[in-house]
Amino acid sequence: MAEQGRDAGTRSAVLVALGANLVIAAAKTAAGLFSGSPALLSEAAHSVADSLNEVFLLLSLRRARRAPDAEHPFGYGKERYFWSLLAAVGIFVLGGVFSFYQGVEALRSTENESRSGYIAGLAVLLIALLAEGASLLRAVIQARRSDDGAKDPALRTVLAEDGTAVIGVLLAAAGMIVHMATGNGVGEAAASMAIGVLLMVVAFTLGRTAHQQLIGIAADPELRGKIERLLTRQPEVDTVEELLTMRLGMDSTLVAARIDLVPGMDSERVEEVSLRIRQTIREELPTADRVFLDITDARTERAGHSASTPQAH
């Protein structure tokens, strides 16, 4: 139920961001085409990219909840990271590259750009600032409500998009005001290029995080520490020889532990202890739901290793 509530909150934050971006993208595009402002057109491209990305994020939330099957026995939790990676690519290409290109083209122009319609453009940016700020506030509230909010790739992407959007609107407005005050479009072109660079940096950061999750990243140190402490406090466990973890999704973690049990237990007792330990981990740490234990005799292994190691003379 907690997972469903968190996902519902994340979906709500994404839907708010999508609604705001669709309206803002249309307004920015109309005002940008009317005024010919490169900074405003850059912001329009930014909002279009964000709108497409929010569709990706909504799709990721639905697909990640599918139950495990024969082809995907560990579930579909990594769908979140795949679609977040596509969203990062969208931010980079549709937002960052286009915005930077707009700035370069404006710098190369030998004619002073028209400033007609800039007042309307600034009004659109003011409305966009209010809408993006409200969407950002909604995402921040959801992140604070959820313990795993900062780790949710969909919510993290919305936070990055909305935060970048607020900064982008301010940059675009500053560029337009400088253009209106000086009659020179260099400041506005620089603002457009700055928006492009900002979007590229944000896209790279989001993409790198999604990439790490896709190729398999260990559980965070806090969860790993809890698992290790839980194992070591079991009376039947002598030592924990090796502990490997990998995040399979927001609510699923693979745990593979090689443990040495106290001597004197028969095979039936070992099986009972192994089953109980796995159940204890799942009950106390619900996100560690895929637990595999390898029972080993550490003393025999060490003795065998010592015997096979050449002795120096």
C-alpha atoms as a PDB file:
ATOM      1  CA  MET A   1       0.000   0.000   0.000  1.00  0.00           C
ATOM      2  CA  ALA A   2       2.845   2.395   0.803  1.00  0.00           C
ATOM      3  CA  GLU A   3       4.388   1.654  -2.594  1.00  0.00           C
ATOM      4  CA  GLN A   4       1.073   2.314  -4.360  1.00  0.00           C
ATOM      5  CA  GLY A   5       0.664   5.565  -2.438  1.00  0.00           C
ATOM      6  CA  ARG A   6       4.151   6.691  -3.371  1.00  0.00           C
ATOM      7  CA  ASP A   7       3.573   5.847  -7.031  1.00  0.00           C
ATOM      8  CA  ALA A   8       0.244   7.669  -6.970  1.00  0.00           C
ATOM      9  CA  GLY A   9       1.983  10.744  -5.572  1.00  0.00           C
ATOM     10  CA  THR A  10       4.726  10.535  -8.185  1.00  0.00           C
ATOM     11  CA  ARG A  11       2.140  10.104 -10.963  1.00  0.00           C
ATOM     12  CA  SER A  12       0.283  13.144  -9.669  1.00  0.00           C
ATOM     13  CA  ALA A  13       3.490  15.218  -9.723  1.00  0.00           C
ATOM     14  CA  VAL A  14       4.256  14.076 -13.285  1.00  0.00           C
ATOM     15  CA  LEU A  15       0.703  14.871 -14.452  1.00  0.00           C
ATOM     16  CA  VAL A  16       0.884  18.357 -12.946  1.00  0.00           C
ATOM     17  CA  ALA A  17       4.202  18.939 -14.716  1.00  0.00           C
ATOM     18  CA  LEU A  18       2.815  17.584 -18.004  1.00  0.00           C
ATOM     19  CA  GLY A  19      -0.255  19.818 -17.892  1.00  0.00           C
ATOM     20  CA  ALA A  20       1.823  22.878 -17.100  1.00  0.00           C
ATOM     21  CA  ASN A  21       4.369  22.139 -19.834  1.00  0.00           C
ATOM     22  CA  LEU A  22       1.761  21.541 -22.552  1.00  0.00           C
ATOM     23  CA  VAL A  23       0.100  24.897 -21.943  1.00  0.00           C
ATOM     24  CA  ILE A  24       3.394  26.710 -21.519  1.00  0.00           C
ATOM     25  CA  ALA A  25       4.926  25.111 -24.638  1.00  0.00           C
ATOM     26  CA  ALA A  26       2.031  26.338 -26.784  1.00  0.00           C
ATOM     27  CA  ALA A  27       2.216  29.843 -25.339  1.00  0.00           C
ATOM     28  CA  LYS A  28       6.005  30.073 -25.652  1.00  0.00           C
ATOM     29  CA  THR A  29       5.934  28.810 -29.237  1.00  0.00           C
ATOM     30  CA  ALA A  30       3.285  31.325 -30.305  1.00  0.00           C
ATOM     31  CA  ALA A  31       5.030  34.215 -28.561  1.00  0.00           C
ATOM     32  CA  GLY A  32       8.455  33.108 -29.835  1.00  0.00           C
ATOM     33  CA  LEU A  33       7.305  32.928 -33.454  1.00  0.00           C
ATOM     34  CA  PHE A  34       5.534  36.282 -33.140  1.00  0.00           C
ATOM     35  CA  SER A  35       8.484  38.098 -31.576  1.00  0.00           C
ATOM     36  CA  GLY A  36      11.284  36.164 -33.250  1.00  0.00           C
ATOM     37  CA  SER A  37      13.033  35.890 -29.888  1.00  0.00           C
ATOM     38  CA  PRO A  38      15.695  33.113 -29.881  1.00  0.00           C
ATOM     39  CA  ALA A  39      15.588  32.892 -26.077  1.00  0.00           C
ATOM     40  CA  LEU A  40      11.813  32.437 -26.114  1.00  0.00           C
ATOM     41  CA  LEU A  41      12.032  29.822 -28.869  1.00  0.00           C
ATOM     42  CA  SER A  42      14.685  28.018 -26.820  1.00  0.00           C
ATOM     43  CA  GLU A  43      12.336  27.951 -23.878  1.00  0.00           C
ATOM     44  CA  ALA A  44       9.555  26.675 -26.157  1.00  0.00           C
ATOM     45  CA  ALA A  45      11.795  23.787 -27.232  1.00  0.00           C
ATOM     46  CA  HIS A  46      12.605  23.190 -23.561  1.00  0.00           C
ATOM     47  CA  SER A  47       8.905  22.890 -22.685  1.00  0.00           C
ATOM     48  CA  VAL A  48       8.203  20.608 -25.659  1.00  0.00           C
ATOM     49  CA  ALA A  49      11.049  18.311 -24.573  1.00  0.00           C
ATOM     50  CA  ASP A  50       9.768  18.293 -20.999  1.00  0.00           C
ATOM     51  CA  SER A  51       6.232  17.421 -22.175  1.00  0.00           C
ATOM     52  CA  LEU A  52       7.502  14.450 -24.177  1.00  0.00           C
ATOM     53  CA  ASN A  53       9.630  13.326 -21.253  1.00  0.00           C
ATOM     54  CA  GLU A  54       6.676  13.389 -18.880  1.00  0.00           C
ATOM     55  CA  VAL A  55       4.862  11.003 -21.224  1.00  0.00           C
ATOM     56  CA  PHE A  56       7.888   8.689 -20.972  1.00  0.00           C
ATOM     57  CA  LEU A  57       7.814   8.916 -17.178  1.00  0.00           C
ATOM     58  CA  LEU A  58       4.092   8.093 -16.980  1.00  0.00           C
ATOM     59  CA  LEU A  59       4.738   5.080 -19.194  1.00  0.00           C
ATOM     60  CA  SER A  60       7.584   3.982 -16.926  1.00  0.00           C
ATOM     61  CA  LEU A  61       5.366   4.083 -13.841  1.00  0.00           C
ATOM     62  CA  ARG A  62       2.796   1.804 -15.482  1.00  0.00           C
ATOM     63  CA  ARG A  63       5.231  -0.673 -17.015  1.00  0.00           C
ATOM     64  CA  ALA A  64       7.434  -0.979 -13.915  1.00  0.00           C
ATOM     65  CA  ARG A  65       4.531  -2.334 -11.857  1.00  0.00           C
ATOM     66  CA  ARG A  66       4.082  -5.442 -14.025  1.00  0.00           C
ATOM     67  CA  ALA A  67       4.452  -8.748 -12.186  1.00  0.00           C
ATOM     68  CA  PRO A  68       7.459 -11.008 -12.807  1.00  0.00           C
ATOM     69  CA  ASP A  69       7.056 -13.620 -15.535  1.00  0.00           C
ATOM     70  CA  ALA A  70       9.080 -16.402 -17.137  1.00  0.00           C
ATOM     71  CA  GLU A  71      11.102 -14.024 -19.325  1.00  0.00           C
ATOM     72  CA  HIS A  72      11.662 -11.478 -16.559  1.00  0.00           C
ATOM     73  CA  PRO A  73      11.754 -13.442 -13.285  1.00  0.00           C
ATOM     74  CA  PHE A  74      13.032 -10.444 -11.325  1.00  0.00           C
ATOM     75  CA  GLY A  75      10.226  -8.180 -12.506  1.00  0.00           C
ATOM     76  CA  TYR A  76      10.170  -4.978 -14.531  1.00  0.00           C
ATOM     77  CA  GLY A  77      11.435  -2.499 -11.945  1.00  0.00           C
ATOM     78  CA  LYS A  78      14.252  -1.305 -14.219  1.00  0.00           C
ATOM     79  CA  GLU A  79      11.685   0.026 -16.689  1.00  0.00           C
ATOM     80  CA  ARG A  80      11.805   3.207 -14.621  1.00  0.00           C
ATOM     81  CA  TYR A  81      15.495   3.659 -15.357  1.00  0.00           C
ATOM     82  CA  PHE A  82      15.160   2.873 -19.072  1.00  0.00           C
ATOM     83  CA  TRP A  83      12.448   5.478 -19.658  1.00  0.00           C
ATOM     84  CA  SER A  84      14.296   7.962 -17.476  1.00  0.00           C
ATOM     85  CA  LEU A  85      17.316   7.454 -19.740  1.00  0.00           C
ATOM     86  CA  LEU A  86      15.153   8.202 -22.791  1.00  0.00           C
ATOM     87  CA  ALA A  87      13.856  11.312 -21.036  1.00  0.00           C
ATOM     88  CA  ALA A  88      17.441  12.450 -20.462  1.00  0.00           C
ATOM     89  CA  VAL A  89      18.200  11.958 -24.156  1.00  0.00           C
ATOM     90  CA  GLY A  90      15.098  13.999 -24.989  1.00  0.00           C
ATOM     91  CA  ILE A  91      16.214  16.840 -22.734  1.00  0.00           C
ATOM     92  CA  PHE A  92      19.678  16.790 -24.327  1.00  0.00           C
ATOM     93  CA  VAL A  93      18.568  16.701 -27.974  1.00  0.00           C
ATOM     94  CA  LEU A  94      15.205  18.472 -28.107  1.00  0.00           C
ATOM     95  CA  GLY A  95      16.042  21.002 -25.421  1.00  0.00           C
ATOM     96  CA  GLY A  96      19.781  21.469 -25.069  1.00  0.00           C
ATOM     97  CA  VAL A  97      21.003  21.083 -28.640  1.00  0.00           C
ATOM     98  CA  PHE A  98      18.156  23.126 -30.142  1.00  0.00           C
ATOM     99  CA  SER A  99      18.570  25.931 -27.603  1.00  0.00           C
ATOM    100  CA  PHE A 100      22.317  26.127 -28.170  1.00  0.00           C
ATOM    101  CA  TYR A 101      21.766  26.143 -31.940  1.00  0.00           C
ATOM    102  CA  GLN A 102      19.282  29.001 -31.597  1.00  0.00           C
ATOM    103  CA  GLY A 103      21.855  31.011 -29.680  1.00  0.00           C
ATOM    104  CA  VAL A 104      24.600  30.352 -32.231  1.00  0.00           C
ATOM    105  CA  GLU A 105      22.301  31.352 -35.105  1.00  0.00           C
ATOM    106  CA  ALA A 106      21.350  34.566 -33.298  1.00  0.00           C
ATOM    107  CA  LEU A 107      25.038  35.441 -32.818  1.00  0.00           C
ATOM    108  CA  ARG A 108      25.758  34.825 -36.492  1.00  0.00           C
ATOM    109  CA  SER A 109      22.944  37.134 -37.593  1.00  0.00           C
ATOM    110  CA  THR A 110      24.241  40.426 -38.930  1.00  0.00           C
ATOM    111  CA  GLU A 111      20.926  42.210 -38.575  1.00  0.00           C
ATOM    112  CA  ASN A 112      19.475  43.562 -35.385  1.00  0.00           C
ATOM    113  CA  GLU A 113      16.511  41.437 -34.438  1.00  0.00           C
ATOM    114  CA  SER A 114      13.093  42.975 -34.146  1.00  0.00           C
ATOM    115  CA  ARG A 115      11.869  43.598 -30.632  1.00  0.00           C
ATOM    116  CA  SER A 116       8.190  43.754 -31.516  1.00  0.00           C
ATOM    117  CA  GLY A 117       6.103  41.470 -29.347  1.00  0.00           C
ATOM    118  CA  TYR A 118       8.678  41.286 -26.580  1.00  0.00           C
ATOM    119  CA  ILE A 119       6.269  42.660 -23.978  1.00  0.00           C
ATOM    120  CA  ALA A 120       3.861  39.839 -24.788  1.00  0.00           C
ATOM    121  CA  GLY A 121       6.778  37.425 -24.669  1.00  0.00           C
ATOM    122  CA  LEU A 122       7.796  38.612 -21.214  1.00  0.00           C
ATOM    123  CA  ALA A 123       4.196  38.231 -20.053  1.00  0.00           C
ATOM    124  CA  VAL A 124       4.220  34.633 -21.279  1.00  0.00           C
ATOM    125  CA  LEU A 125       7.474  34.019 -19.411  1.00  0.00           C
ATOM    126  CA  LEU A 126       5.956  35.441 -16.224  1.00  0.00           C
ATOM    127  CA  ILE A 127       3.024  33.046 -16.514  1.00  0.00           C
ATOM    128  CA  ALA A 128       5.455  30.218 -17.275  1.00  0.00           C
ATOM    129  CA  LEU A 129       7.509  31.097 -14.190  1.00  0.00           C
ATOM    130  CA  LEU A 130       4.423  30.862 -11.983  1.00  0.00           C
ATOM    131  CA  ALA A 131       3.302  27.574 -13.544  1.00  0.00           C
ATOM    132  CA  GLU A 132       6.763  25.985 -13.437  1.00  0.00           C
ATOM    133  CA  GLY A 133       7.242  27.180  -9.873  1.00  0.00           C
ATOM    134  CA  ALA A 134       3.939  25.606  -8.813  1.00  0.00           C
ATOM    135  CA  SER A 135       4.881  22.338 -10.519  1.00  0.00           C
ATOM    136  CA  LEU A 136       8.310  22.385  -8.838  1.00  0.00           C
ATOM    137  CA  LEU A 137       6.699  22.994  -5.451  1.00  0.00           C
ATOM    138  CA  ARG A 138       4.357  20.043  -6.010  1.00  0.00           C
ATOM    139  CA  ALA A 139       7.297  17.773  -6.877  1.00  0.00           C
ATOM    140  CA  VAL A 140       9.319  18.958  -3.847  1.00  0.00           C
ATOM    141  CA  ILE A 141       6.382  18.247  -1.526  1.00  0.00           C
ATOM    142  CA  GLN A 142       6.014  14.742  -2.972  1.00  0.00           C
ATOM    143  CA  ALA A 143       9.756  14.091  -2.596  1.00  0.00           C
ATOM    144  CA  ARG A 144       9.636  15.101   1.060  1.00  0.00           C
ATOM    145  CA  ARG A 145       6.586  12.936   1.735  1.00  0.00           C
ATOM    146  CA  SER A 146       8.273   9.829   0.364  1.00  0.00           C
ATOM    147  CA  ASP A 147      11.256   8.226   2.062  1.00  0.00           C
ATOM    148  CA  ASP A 148      12.561   7.116  -1.337  1.00  0.00           C
ATOM    149  CA  GLY A 149      11.562  10.307  -3.161  1.00  0.00           C
ATOM    150  CA  ALA A 150      15.122  11.302  -3.947  1.00  0.00           C
ATOM    151  CA  LYS A 151      15.775   7.825  -5.410  1.00  0.00           C
ATOM    152  CA  ASP A 152      12.657   7.689  -7.599  1.00  0.00           C
ATOM    153  CA  PRO A 153      13.939   8.291 -11.165  1.00  0.00           C
ATOM    154  CA  ALA A 154      10.582   9.641 -12.372  1.00  0.00           C
ATOM    155  CA  LEU A 155      10.261  12.097  -9.509  1.00  0.00           C
ATOM    156  CA  ARG A 156      13.940  13.022  -9.721  1.00  0.00           C
ATOM    157  CA  THR A 157      13.521  13.793 -13.427  1.00  0.00           C
ATOM    158  CA  VAL A 158      10.486  16.002 -12.739  1.00  0.00           C
ATOM    159  CA  LEU A 159      12.429  17.875 -10.052  1.00  0.00           C
ATOM    160  CA  ALA A 160      15.340  18.399 -12.444  1.00  0.00           C
ATOM    161  CA  GLU A 161      13.070  19.476 -15.296  1.00  0.00           C
ATOM    162  CA  ASP A 162      11.050  21.921 -13.219  1.00  0.00           C
ATOM    163  CA  GLY A 163      14.109  23.366 -11.500  1.00  0.00           C
ATOM    164  CA  THR A 164      15.844  23.795 -14.845  1.00  0.00           C
ATOM    165  CA  ALA A 165      12.681  25.300 -16.314  1.00  0.00           C
ATOM    166  CA  VAL A 166      12.559  27.987 -13.618  1.00  0.00           C
ATOM    167  CA  ILE A 167      16.213  28.878 -14.232  1.00  0.00           C
ATOM    168  CA  GLY A 168      15.647  28.797 -17.997  1.00  0.00           C
ATOM    169  CA  VAL A 169      12.702  31.190 -17.803  1.00  0.00           C
ATOM    170  CA  LEU A 170      14.772  33.626 -15.756  1.00  0.00           C
ATOM    171  CA  LEU A 171      17.649  33.416 -18.254  1.00  0.00           C
ATOM    172  CA  ALA A 172      15.316  33.957 -21.206  1.00  0.00           C
ATOM    173  CA  ALA A 173      13.650  36.935 -19.518  1.00  0.00           C
ATOM    174  CA  ALA A 174      17.023  38.462 -18.676  1.00  0.00           C
ATOM    175  CA  GLY A 175      18.185  38.066 -22.282  1.00  0.00           C
ATOM    176  CA  MET A 176      15.021  39.644 -23.648  1.00  0.00           C
ATOM    177  CA  ILE A 177      15.229  42.576 -21.226  1.00  0.00           C
ATOM    178  CA  VAL A 178      18.878  43.204 -22.187  1.00  0.00           C
ATOM    179  CA  HIS A 179      17.879  43.113 -25.862  1.00  0.00           C
ATOM    180  CA  MET A 180      15.054  45.576 -25.278  1.00  0.00           C
ATOM    181  CA  ALA A 181      17.293  47.908 -23.277  1.00  0.00           C
ATOM    182  CA  THR A 182      20.321  47.907 -25.585  1.00  0.00           C
ATOM    183  CA  GLY A 183      18.900  47.039 -28.970  1.00  0.00           C
ATOM    184  CA  ASN A 184      21.608  44.385 -29.283  1.00  0.00           C
ATOM    185  CA  GLY A 185      20.656  40.737 -29.576  1.00  0.00           C
ATOM    186  CA  VAL A 186      23.968  39.380 -28.231  1.00  0.00           C
ATOM    187  CA  GLY A 187      22.685  39.184 -24.675  1.00  0.00           C
ATOM    188  CA  GLU A 188      19.630  37.239 -25.755  1.00  0.00           C
ATOM    189  CA  ALA A 189      21.721  34.891 -27.894  1.00  0.00           C
ATOM    190  CA  ALA A 190      23.977  34.280 -24.905  1.00  0.00           C
ATOM    191  CA  ALA A 191      20.903  33.513 -22.779  1.00  0.00           C
ATOM    192  CA  SER A 192      19.724  30.989 -25.361  1.00  0.00           C
ATOM    193  CA  MET A 193      23.135  29.303 -25.406  1.00  0.00           C
ATOM    194  CA  ALA A 194      23.229  29.275 -21.597  1.00  0.00           C
ATOM    195  CA  ILE A 195      19.834  27.550 -21.539  1.00  0.00           C
ATOM    196  CA  GLY A 196      21.190  24.961 -23.966  1.00  0.00           C
ATOM    197  CA  VAL A 197      24.290  24.278 -21.875  1.00  0.00           C
ATOM    198  CA  LEU A 198      22.187  24.056 -18.703  1.00  0.00           C
ATOM    199  CA  LEU A 199      19.881  21.489 -20.301  1.00  0.00           C
ATOM    200  CA  MET A 200      22.817  19.441 -21.578  1.00  0.00           C
ATOM    201  CA  VAL A 201      24.408  19.317 -18.120  1.00  0.00           C
ATOM    202  CA  VAL A 202      21.130  18.284 -16.473  1.00  0.00           C
ATOM    203  CA  ALA A 203      20.484  15.665 -19.179  1.00  0.00           C
ATOM    204  CA  PHE A 204      23.981  14.216 -18.767  1.00  0.00           C
ATOM    205  CA  THR A 205      23.555  13.966 -14.985  1.00  0.00           C
ATOM    206  CA  LEU A 206      20.157  12.254 -15.254  1.00  0.00           C
ATOM    207  CA  GLY A 207      21.382   9.959 -18.013  1.00  0.00           C
ATOM    208  CA  ARG A 208      24.467   8.903 -16.050  1.00  0.00           C
ATOM    209  CA  THR A 209      22.332   7.996 -13.025  1.00  0.00           C
ATOM    210  CA  ALA A 210      19.891   5.980 -15.159  1.00  0.00           C
ATOM    211  CA  HIS A 211      22.817   4.241 -16.867  1.00  0.00           C
ATOM    212  CA  GLN A 212      24.296   3.166 -13.529  1.00  0.00           C
ATOM    213  CA  GLN A 213      20.955   1.707 -12.467  1.00  0.00           C
ATOM    214  CA  LEU A 214      20.462  -0.122 -15.759  1.00  0.00           C
ATOM    215  CA  ILE A 215      23.826  -1.889 -15.724  1.00  0.00           C
ATOM    216  CA  GLY A 216      23.317  -2.908 -12.095  1.00  0.00           C
ATOM    217  CA  ILE A 217      24.212  -0.850  -9.054  1.00  0.00           C
ATOM    218  CA  ALA A 218      24.545  -2.056  -5.474  1.00  0.00           C
ATOM    219  CA  ALA A 219      21.995  -1.196  -2.821  1.00  0.00           C
ATOM    220  CA  ASP A 220      22.714   1.989  -0.925  1.00  0.00           C
ATOM    221  CA  PRO A 221      25.147   1.614   2.005  1.00  0.00           C
ATOM    222  CA  GLU A 222      22.378   2.038   4.591  1.00  0.00           C
ATOM    223  CA  LEU A 223      20.352  -0.919   3.308  1.00  0.00           C
ATOM    224  CA  ARG A 224      23.466  -3.029   2.819  1.00  0.00           C
ATOM    225  CA  GLY A 225      24.522  -2.299   6.403  1.00  0.00           C
ATOM    226  CA  LYS A 226      21.115  -3.332   7.716  1.00  0.00           C
ATOM    227  CA  ILE A 227      21.275  -6.625   5.806  1.00  0.00           C
ATOM    228  CA  GLU A 228      24.760  -7.378   7.072  1.00  0.00           C
ATOM    229  CA  ARG A 229      23.839  -6.587  10.681  1.00  0.00           C
ATOM    230  CA  LEU A 230      20.703  -8.711  10.414  1.00  0.00           C
ATOM    231  CA  LEU A 231      22.742 -11.652   9.150  1.00  0.00           C
ATOM    232  CA  THR A 232      25.478 -11.372  11.773  1.00  0.00           C
ATOM    233  CA  ARG A 233      23.036 -11.251  14.673  1.00  0.00           C
ATOM    234  CA  GLN A 234      21.456 -14.581  13.729  1.00  0.00           C
ATOM    235  CA  PRO A 235      22.625 -17.107  16.342  1.00  0.00           C
ATOM    236  CA  GLU A 236      23.323 -19.774  13.714  1.00  0.00           C
ATOM    237  CA  VAL A 237      25.566 -17.505  11.590  1.00  0.00           C
ATOM    238  CA  ASP A 238      29.254 -17.659  12.413  1.00  0.00           C
ATOM    239  CA  THR A 239      30.548 -15.201   9.800  1.00  0.00           C
ATOM    240  CA  VAL A 240      29.326 -13.382   6.708  1.00  0.00           C
ATOM    241  CA  GLU A 241      31.988 -14.183   4.127  1.00  0.00           C
ATOM    242  CA  GLU A 242      30.548 -12.169   1.233  1.00  0.00           C
ATOM    243  CA  LEU A 243      27.521  -9.954   0.645  1.00  0.00           C
ATOM    244  CA  LEU A 244      26.479  -8.833  -2.831  1.00  0.00           C
ATOM    245  CA  THR A 245      23.473  -6.634  -3.602  1.00  0.00           C
ATOM    246  CA  MET A 246      21.894  -5.113  -6.708  1.00  0.00           C
ATOM    247  CA  ARG A 247      18.917  -2.803  -7.095  1.00  0.00           C
ATOM    248  CA  LEU A 248      16.274  -4.353  -9.342  1.00  0.00           C
ATOM    249  CA  GLY A 249      13.856  -1.444  -9.045  1.00  0.00           C
ATOM    250  CA  MET A 250      12.438   1.049  -6.598  1.00  0.00           C
ATOM    251  CA  ASP A 251      11.020  -1.691  -4.343  1.00  0.00           C
ATOM    252  CA  SER A 252      13.173  -4.679  -5.182  1.00  0.00           C
ATOM    253  CA  THR A 253      16.753  -5.601  -4.288  1.00  0.00           C
ATOM    254  CA  LEU A 254      18.675  -8.766  -5.043  1.00  0.00           C
ATOM    255  CA  VAL A 255      20.711 -10.063  -2.093  1.00  0.00           C
ATOM    256  CA  ALA A 256      23.319 -12.814  -2.488  1.00  0.00           C
ATOM    257  CA  ALA A 257      25.155 -13.714   0.702  1.00  0.00           C
ATOM    258  CA  ARG A 258      27.804 -16.333   1.368  1.00  0.00           C
ATOM    259  CA  ILE A 259      27.602 -17.240   5.044  1.00  0.00           C
ATOM    260  CA  ASP A 260      29.367 -19.666   7.367  1.00  0.00           C
ATOM    261  CA  LEU A 261      27.124 -21.341   9.934  1.00  0.00           C
ATOM    262  CA  VAL A 262      28.174 -22.530  13.359  1.00  0.00           C
ATOM    263  CA  PRO A 263      29.462 -26.127  13.277  1.00  0.00           C
ATOM    264  CA  GLY A 264      27.467 -29.145  14.309  1.00  0.00           C
ATOM    265  CA  MET A 265      24.258 -28.707  12.253  1.00  0.00           C
ATOM    266  CA  ASP A 266      22.935 -31.463  10.036  1.00  0.00           C
ATOM    267  CA  SER A 267      21.631 -30.811   6.506  1.00  0.00           C
ATOM    268  CA  GLU A 268      17.983 -30.648   7.580  1.00  0.00           C
ATOM    269  CA  ARG A 269      18.778 -28.063  10.250  1.00  0.00           C
ATOM    270  CA  VAL A 270      20.829 -26.039   7.750  1.00  0.00           C
ATOM    271  CA  GLU A 271      17.841 -25.930   5.374  1.00  0.00           C
ATOM    272  CA  GLU A 272      15.510 -24.768   8.155  1.00  0.00           C
ATOM    273  CA  VAL A 273      17.931 -22.032   9.243  1.00  0.00           C
ATOM    274  CA  SER A 274      18.470 -20.868   5.672  1.00  0.00           C
ATOM    275  CA  LEU A 275      14.700 -20.588   5.088  1.00  0.00           C
ATOM    276  CA  ARG A 276      14.165 -18.705   8.338  1.00  0.00           C
ATOM    277  CA  ILE A 277      16.967 -16.217   7.607  1.00  0.00           C
ATOM    278  CA  ARG A 278      15.552 -15.476   4.151  1.00  0.00           C
ATOM    279  CA  GLN A 279      12.095 -14.922   5.593  1.00  0.00           C
ATOM    280  CA  THR A 280      13.495 -12.663   8.335  1.00  0.00           C
ATOM    281  CA  ILE A 281      15.288 -10.473   5.803  1.00  0.00           C
ATOM    282  CA  ARG A 282      12.154 -10.123   3.663  1.00  0.00           C
ATOM    283  CA  GLU A 283       9.972  -9.301   6.676  1.00  0.00           C
ATOM    284  CA  GLU A 284      12.295  -6.746   8.280  1.00  0.00           C
ATOM    285  CA  LEU A 285      13.560  -5.242   5.001  1.00  0.00           C
ATOM    286  CA  PRO A 286      10.713  -5.534   2.457  1.00  0.00           C
ATOM    287  CA  THR A 287      12.713  -4.030  -0.400  1.00  0.00           C
ATOM    288  CA  ALA A 288      15.290  -6.839  -0.045  1.00  0.00           C
ATOM    289  CA  ASP A 289      12.873  -9.306  -1.575  1.00  0.00           C
ATOM    290  CA  ARG A 290      15.190 -11.491  -3.687  1.00  0.00           C
ATOM    291  CA  VAL A 291      17.430 -13.297  -1.196  1.00  0.00           C
ATOM    292  CA  PHE A 292      19.862 -16.089  -2.065  1.00  0.00           C
ATOM    293  CA  LEU A 293      22.082 -17.699   0.571  1.00  0.00           C
ATOM    294  CA  ASP A 294      25.193 -19.745  -0.125  1.00  0.00           C
ATOM    295  CA  ILE A 295      26.106 -21.841   2.903  1.00  0.00           C
ATOM    296  CA  THR A 296      29.861 -22.374   3.065  1.00  0.00           C
ATOM    297  CA  ASP A 297      32.461 -23.825   5.406  1.00  0.00           C
ATOM    298  CA  ALA A 298      34.894 -20.925   5.723  1.00  0.00           C
ATOM    299  CA  ARG A 299      37.423 -22.827   7.829  1.00  0.00           C
ATOM    300  CA  THR A 300      37.710 -25.634   5.276  1.00  0.00           C
ATOM    301  CA  GLU A 301      38.032 -23.101   2.443  1.00  0.00           C
ATOM    302  CA  ARG A 302      40.763 -21.204   4.261  1.00  0.00           C
ATOM    303  CA  ALA A 303      42.629 -24.404   5.058  1.00  0.00           C
ATOM    304  CA  GLY A 304      42.412 -25.508   1.422  1.00  0.00           C
ATOM    305  CA  HIS A 305      43.593 -22.120   0.218  1.00  0.00           C
ATOM    306  CA  SER A 306      46.571 -22.179   2.603  1.00  0.00           C
ATOM    307  CA  ALA A 307      47.547 -25.664   1.487  1.00  0.00           C
ATOM    308  CA  SER A 308      47.466 -24.678  -2.179  1.00  0.00           C
ATOM    309  CA  THR A 309      49.507 -21.506  -1.665  1.00  0.00           C
ATOM    310  CA  PRO A 310      53.240 -22.025  -2.385  1.00  0.00           C
ATOM    311  CA  GLN A 311      55.411 -21.397   0.650  1.00  0.00           C
ATOM    312  CA  ALA A 312      58.422 -19.089   0.316  1.00  0.00           C
ATOM    313  CA  HIS A 313      61.794 -20.512   1.352  1.00  0.00           C
END
